[in-house]
Amino acid sequence: MNIVILGAGVQGTVYAVRLATAGHQVTLIAHPDRAAELRKHGATIQDLSTMRIHTTLPPVLETLPPTCDADICLVTVRREQLDTAVADLLHAPAIQRIVLLVNHANGSAHLRKLLGPSRTVLAFPGVAGDRQGNLIRYLDIPQQHTVIEKSAPDIATLLRQANFPIDTVHDMDAWLQRHAVFITAIAGALYESACDPRRLASNPATVRRFILAVRQGWAVQDRKLLAPAPLALRSIFCWVPLRFSARYWCRLLASPRGDIYFARHVQHAPAEMAALAQDLRSAFDTAGAPELQRFLVSIDAAQQQFHLGPPTRAAR
């Protein structure tokens, strides 16, 4: 299958190498510096659970050509880069299927309208990692697999054949909004802790605030009749007593997984976190979730610290 991947960071590179290893023809679209690096060294990933390293030499382009006629385009850009990616995709109408592996929470009706409802698929990556030079080190997240909307079984099958664990959901927009509450709460808590997950783990009061922020945000979403959060997350956040939930998160944050699952990305993605915070403010009145609102303010402060300007919004 002919696959193009728009975005060559951690997620894009991992999906590219594993799909190419599974026998597909994969082309990466990367910014000029990353494109030059990939052309020189290839795309290299290391699975931290096995320490195995895989390298492929995919074709690399710096822009998505309007003549692109790929079977599938995986979009693996950050939230604040989504507008630009959509604009590029609008000029490549021959791409048959577009899979948005993008962290956004302001609904997808406008995206489906722009890109075409029959060829747009919502998804979310189940991979966490970082980049050290040309090496992408990553883990498949056992608590949160790659998620694909249930209406796209062909995409789920494609990724399963590349050995990605897959979950499917009926309402991907609801899943993304629930996830945005979780990820902005932990991002705000990490920004308050200098993006040090062990420092956060040593502060049980902030960990409890993080749990309460998720509970409060989800309660507001419950009142809006949003489809529920995944069972495992609901269990640890909402059904387990607060003290036991805090112990779980303290242990996870203090472990190496706390760094690779959360802190490394949050540290390098304040613009994305700010864009997600803006999405949530647009989706519901965050005054009904005061602890979440406090963490969104902490995200705003981190955005200003990095002098990145206001978060962008996806075109509607």
Protein backbone atom coordinates (compact mmCIF):
# COMPACT_ATOMS: atom_id res chain seq x y z
CA MET A 1 0.00 0.00 0.00
CA ASN A 2 1.22 3.52 -0.80
CA ILE A 3 1.29 5.53 2.43
CA VAL A 4 2.44 9.11 3.01
CA ILE A 5 3.06 10.40 6.52
CA LEU A 6 2.72 14.12 7.13
CA GLY A 7 5.00 14.89 10.06
CA ALA A 8 8.31 13.20 10.92
CA GLY A 9 8.65 13.67 14.65
CA VAL A 10 8.45 10.83 17.17
CA GLN A 11 5.01 9.61 16.11
CA GLY A 12 5.48 9.97 12.37
CA THR A 13 8.84 8.25 12.38
CA VAL A 14 7.66 5.30 14.48
CA TYR A 15 4.59 4.71 12.31
CA ALA A 16 6.68 5.15 9.15
CA VAL A 17 9.35 2.61 10.09
CA ARG A 18 6.90 0.01 11.34
CA LEU A 19 4.62 0.33 8.33
CA ALA A 20 7.61 0.16 5.97
CA THR A 21 8.88 -2.91 7.83
CA ALA A 22 5.43 -4.48 7.31
CA GLY A 23 5.95 -4.14 3.55
CA HIS A 24 4.24 -0.87 2.66
CA GLN A 25 5.65 1.89 0.49
CA VAL A 26 6.04 4.83 2.88
CA THR A 27 6.98 8.44 2.11
CA LEU A 28 7.71 10.96 4.88
CA ILE A 29 6.94 14.67 4.71
CA ALA A 30 9.30 16.60 6.99
CA HIS A 31 10.51 20.15 7.56
CA PRO A 32 13.79 20.92 5.74
CA ASP A 33 16.22 20.21 8.60
CA ARG A 34 14.56 16.93 9.52
CA ALA A 35 14.27 15.97 5.85
CA ALA A 36 17.99 16.48 5.33
CA GLU A 37 18.74 14.36 8.40
CA LEU A 38 16.45 11.56 7.24
CA ARG A 39 17.97 11.53 3.76
CA LYS A 40 21.46 11.27 5.25
CA HIS A 41 20.87 8.75 8.04
CA GLY A 42 17.51 7.14 7.34
CA ALA A 43 14.68 6.79 9.88
CA THR A 44 15.79 4.91 12.98
CA ILE A 45 13.62 3.81 15.90
CA GLN A 46 14.38 1.89 19.10
CA ASP A 47 11.69 -0.01 21.01
CA LEU A 48 12.61 0.61 24.65
CA SER A 49 10.75 -2.51 25.76
CA THR A 50 13.07 -4.76 23.73
CA MET A 51 15.93 -2.33 22.90
CA ARG A 52 15.70 -3.46 19.27
CA ILE A 53 16.63 -0.89 16.64
CA HIS A 54 15.11 -0.69 13.15
CA THR A 55 16.20 1.60 10.34
CA THR A 56 14.55 2.26 7.01
CA LEU A 57 15.42 4.59 4.14
CA PRO A 58 12.05 6.01 3.08
CA PRO A 59 11.62 8.66 0.41
CA VAL A 60 11.50 12.07 2.11
CA LEU A 61 9.85 15.25 0.83
CA GLU A 62 9.68 18.72 2.35
CA THR A 63 6.16 19.49 1.17
CA LEU A 64 3.11 17.44 0.28
CA PRO A 65 2.86 17.51 -3.53
CA PRO A 66 -0.58 18.36 -4.96
CA THR A 67 -0.19 15.38 -7.28
CA CYS A 68 0.14 12.95 -4.36
CA ASP A 69 -2.15 9.97 -4.97
CA ALA A 70 -1.36 7.88 -1.88
CA ASP A 71 -3.80 5.29 -0.66
CA ILE A 72 -3.50 6.68 2.86
CA CYS A 73 -2.04 9.78 4.49
CA LEU A 74 -1.28 9.59 8.21
CA VAL A 75 -1.20 13.07 9.76
CA THR A 76 1.07 13.09 12.81
CA VAL A 77 1.54 16.82 13.45
CA ARG A 78 0.95 18.67 16.71
CA ARG A 79 -2.32 20.42 17.45
CA GLU A 80 -1.05 23.92 16.64
CA GLN A 81 0.19 22.66 13.24
CA LEU A 82 -3.16 21.22 12.20
CA ASP A 83 -4.31 24.28 10.22
CA THR A 84 -1.25 24.13 7.99
CA ALA A 85 -1.59 20.38 7.49
CA VAL A 86 -5.24 20.72 6.49
CA ALA A 87 -4.37 23.49 4.01
CA ASP A 88 -1.76 21.22 2.42
CA LEU A 89 -4.21 18.32 2.25
CA LEU A 90 -6.84 20.46 0.54
CA HIS A 91 -4.41 20.79 -2.38
CA ALA A 92 -3.90 17.01 -2.64
CA PRO A 93 -7.39 15.74 -3.51
CA ALA A 94 -6.19 12.41 -4.94
CA ILE A 95 -5.24 11.02 -1.51
CA GLN A 96 -7.88 8.39 -0.83
CA ARG A 97 -7.89 8.25 2.99
CA ILE A 98 -6.66 10.78 5.57
CA VAL A 99 -6.01 9.50 9.10
CA LEU A 100 -5.71 12.34 11.62
CA LEU A 101 -3.48 11.06 14.42
CA VAL A 102 -3.70 14.51 16.01
CA ASN A 103 -4.39 15.59 19.59
CA HIS A 104 -7.33 18.00 19.23
CA ALA A 105 -10.54 18.55 21.15
CA ASN A 106 -12.69 21.09 19.34
CA GLY A 107 -14.71 18.63 17.28
CA SER A 108 -14.12 17.27 13.82
CA ALA A 109 -17.21 18.30 11.84
CA HIS A 110 -15.29 21.17 10.24
CA LEU A 111 -12.39 18.88 9.38
CA ARG A 112 -14.65 16.29 7.77
CA LYS A 113 -16.39 19.01 5.80
CA LEU A 114 -13.10 20.41 4.52
CA LEU A 115 -11.35 17.13 3.77
CA GLY A 116 -14.37 15.01 2.84
CA PRO A 117 -16.36 12.90 5.30
CA SER A 118 -15.79 9.66 3.42
CA ARG A 119 -12.00 9.93 3.45
CA THR A 120 -11.41 11.45 6.91
CA VAL A 121 -10.59 9.11 9.81
CA LEU A 122 -10.06 10.22 13.40
CA ALA A 123 -7.42 8.43 15.43
CA PHE A 124 -4.94 8.88 18.24
CA PRO A 125 -1.43 7.42 18.59
CA GLY A 126 -0.59 4.94 21.32
CA VAL A 127 3.15 5.59 21.25
CA ALA A 128 5.30 7.74 23.54
CA GLY A 129 8.93 8.57 23.06
CA ASP A 130 11.65 11.10 22.46
CA ARG A 131 14.38 11.91 20.02
CA GLN A 132 18.10 11.62 20.73
CA GLY A 133 19.97 12.82 17.68
CA ASN A 134 18.65 10.78 14.78
CA LEU A 135 17.37 8.00 17.04
CA ILE A 136 13.69 7.91 18.01
CA ARG A 137 13.26 5.95 21.26
CA TYR A 138 9.71 4.87 21.97
CA LEU A 139 7.29 2.65 23.84
CA ASP A 140 3.86 1.35 22.92
CA ILE A 141 1.68 2.53 25.82
CA PRO A 142 -0.07 -0.53 27.30
CA GLN A 143 -2.63 1.61 29.14
CA GLN A 144 -3.63 3.49 25.98
CA HIS A 145 -3.34 1.75 22.63
CA THR A 146 -3.57 3.47 19.27
CA VAL A 147 -7.25 4.42 18.97
CA ILE A 148 -9.18 4.35 15.67
CA GLU A 149 -12.81 5.23 15.13
CA LYS A 150 -14.87 2.09 14.67
CA SER A 151 -16.13 3.17 11.25
CA ALA A 152 -12.63 2.61 9.77
CA PRO A 153 -11.90 -1.11 10.24
CA ASP A 154 -9.51 -1.07 7.27
CA ILE A 155 -7.24 1.42 9.05
CA ALA A 156 -7.38 -0.62 12.25
CA THR A 157 -6.38 -3.73 10.30
CA LEU A 158 -3.54 -1.92 8.54
CA LEU A 159 -2.01 -0.80 11.82
CA ARG A 160 -2.55 -4.14 13.57
CA GLN A 161 -0.61 -5.78 10.74
CA ALA A 162 2.28 -3.45 11.65
CA ASN A 163 2.00 -4.78 15.24
CA PHE A 164 0.38 -1.70 16.76
CA PRO A 165 -2.07 -2.61 19.55
CA ILE A 166 -5.40 -1.08 18.50
CA ASP A 167 -8.60 -0.05 20.25
CA THR A 168 -11.66 1.13 18.33
CA VAL A 169 -14.33 3.53 19.59
CA HIS A 170 -17.69 4.69 18.25
CA ASP A 171 -17.42 8.38 19.17
CA MET A 172 -13.88 9.54 18.54
CA ASP A 173 -14.71 13.21 19.13
CA ALA A 174 -15.91 12.37 22.65
CA TRP A 175 -12.79 10.25 23.25
CA LEU A 176 -10.55 13.15 22.19
CA GLN A 177 -12.36 15.63 24.43
CA ARG A 178 -12.15 13.28 27.43
CA HIS A 179 -8.48 12.71 26.71
CA ALA A 180 -7.85 16.46 26.46
CA VAL A 181 -9.12 16.92 30.02
CA PHE A 182 -6.68 14.26 31.23
CA ILE A 183 -3.68 15.48 29.24
CA THR A 184 -4.11 19.19 30.05
CA ALA A 185 -4.53 18.39 33.75
CA ILE A 186 -1.30 16.41 33.88
CA ALA A 187 0.46 18.97 31.66
CA GLY A 188 -0.51 21.79 34.03
CA ALA A 189 0.66 19.76 37.02
CA LEU A 190 3.98 19.06 35.29
CA TYR A 191 4.49 22.72 34.36
CA GLU A 192 3.96 23.59 38.03
CA SER A 193 6.68 21.00 38.81
CA ALA A 194 9.27 22.23 36.28
CA CYS A 195 8.34 19.29 33.99
CA ASP A 196 9.97 16.92 36.48
CA PRO A 197 7.68 13.90 36.99
CA ARG A 198 9.59 12.75 40.08
CA ARG A 199 9.19 16.18 41.63
CA LEU A 200 5.48 16.00 40.90
CA ALA A 201 5.29 12.48 42.36
CA SER A 202 6.87 13.78 45.58
CA ASN A 203 4.08 16.34 45.94
CA PRO A 204 0.93 14.32 46.75
CA ALA A 205 -1.15 17.49 47.12
CA THR A 206 -0.57 18.44 43.47
CA VAL A 207 -1.17 14.85 42.36
CA ARG A 208 -4.51 14.91 44.18
CA ARG A 209 -5.35 18.23 42.49
CA PHE A 210 -4.57 16.61 39.14
CA ILE A 211 -6.96 13.74 39.88
CA LEU A 212 -9.67 16.14 41.04
CA ALA A 213 -9.17 18.25 37.92
CA VAL A 214 -9.88 15.23 35.73
CA ARG A 215 -12.88 14.23 37.84
CA GLN A 216 -14.31 17.75 37.67
CA GLY A 217 -13.72 18.13 33.93
CA TRP A 218 -15.31 14.78 33.22
CA ALA A 219 -18.27 15.63 35.45
CA VAL A 220 -18.92 18.72 33.33
CA GLN A 221 -18.66 16.57 30.21
CA ASP A 222 -21.05 14.04 31.78
CA ARG A 223 -23.62 16.81 32.15
CA LYS A 224 -23.17 17.57 28.44
CA LEU A 225 -23.97 13.86 27.78
CA LEU A 226 -20.55 13.23 26.25
CA ALA A 227 -19.71 9.56 25.72
CA PRO A 228 -17.74 8.28 28.74
CA ALA A 229 -13.98 8.06 29.11
CA PRO A 230 -12.33 4.65 28.58
CA LEU A 231 -13.09 2.15 31.30
CA ALA A 232 -9.54 1.83 32.63
CA LEU A 233 -9.13 5.58 33.04
CA ARG A 234 -12.57 6.00 34.58
CA SER A 235 -11.73 3.29 37.07
CA ILE A 236 -8.47 4.80 38.29
CA PHE A 237 -9.75 8.39 38.30
CA CYS A 238 -13.37 8.14 39.37
CA TRP A 239 -14.12 4.82 41.04
CA VAL A 240 -10.96 4.20 43.06
CA PRO A 241 -10.78 6.20 46.34
CA LEU A 242 -8.70 9.34 45.97
CA ARG A 243 -5.85 8.15 48.20
CA PHE A 244 -5.39 4.96 46.17
CA SER A 245 -5.63 6.81 42.87
CA ALA A 246 -2.96 9.24 44.11
CA ARG A 247 -0.68 6.34 45.06
CA TYR A 248 -1.03 4.86 41.57
CA TRP A 249 -0.16 8.14 39.85
CA CYS A 250 2.71 8.88 42.23
CA ARG A 251 4.24 5.49 41.47
CA LEU A 252 3.78 5.90 37.72
CA LEU A 253 5.19 9.44 37.67
CA ALA A 254 8.19 8.42 39.76
CA SER A 255 9.02 5.57 37.38
CA PRO A 256 10.89 5.99 34.06
CA ARG A 257 7.51 5.67 32.32
CA GLY A 258 6.35 8.95 33.89
CA ASP A 259 9.12 10.70 32.01
CA ILE A 260 8.63 9.05 28.64
CA TYR A 261 4.81 8.89 28.74
CA PHE A 262 4.23 12.49 29.79
CA ALA A 263 7.05 14.81 30.82
CA ARG A 264 9.24 14.79 27.72
CA HIS A 265 6.39 15.63 25.38
CA VAL A 266 4.84 18.21 27.70
CA GLN A 267 8.19 19.92 28.13
CA HIS A 268 8.67 20.32 24.37
CA ALA A 269 5.07 21.03 23.42
CA PRO A 270 3.77 24.07 25.35
CA ALA A 271 2.10 25.40 22.19
CA GLU A 272 0.19 22.15 21.74
CA MET A 273 -0.88 22.10 25.39
CA ALA A 274 -2.03 25.72 25.10
CA ALA A 275 -4.03 24.91 21.98
CA LEU A 276 -5.70 21.99 23.79
CA ALA A 277 -6.50 24.27 26.72
CA GLN A 278 -8.13 26.67 24.28
CA ASP A 279 -10.10 23.80 22.76
CA LEU A 280 -11.48 22.88 26.18
CA ARG A 281 -12.43 26.46 26.99
CA SER A 282 -14.35 26.55 23.71
CA ALA A 283 -16.04 23.22 24.41
CA PHE A 284 -17.41 23.94 27.88
CA ASP A 285 -17.37 26.39 30.79
CA THR A 286 -14.25 25.41 32.71
CA ALA A 287 -15.49 27.40 35.72
CA GLY A 288 -17.45 24.24 36.52
CA ALA A 289 -14.10 22.46 36.96
CA PRO A 290 -12.05 24.82 39.16
CA GLU A 291 -9.02 22.55 39.61
CA LEU A 292 -8.84 21.96 35.85
CA GLN A 293 -9.17 25.69 35.29
CA ARG A 294 -6.16 26.29 37.56
CA PHE A 295 -4.07 23.86 35.53
CA LEU A 296 -5.14 25.53 32.28
CA VAL A 297 -3.83 28.80 33.71
CA SER A 298 -0.52 27.05 34.47
CA ILE A 299 -0.40 25.95 30.81
CA ASP A 300 -0.97 29.57 29.75
CA ALA A 301 1.95 30.64 31.96
CA ALA A 302 4.21 28.04 30.37
CA GLN A 303 3.16 29.27 26.93
CA GLN A 304 4.12 32.82 27.84
CA GLN A 305 7.41 31.66 29.35
CA PHE A 306 8.43 30.17 26.01
CA HIS A 307 7.33 33.37 24.17
CA LEU A 308 5.26 31.41 21.71
CA GLY A 309 2.35 33.79 21.33
CA PRO A 310 -1.31 32.84 21.48
CA PRO A 311 -2.36 29.30 20.53
CA THR A 312 -3.75 28.84 17.06
CA ARG A 313 -7.23 27.51 16.33
CA ALA A 314 -8.22 25.06 13.66
CA ALA A 315 -10.16 26.73 10.85
CA ARG A 316 -13.91 26.15 11.05
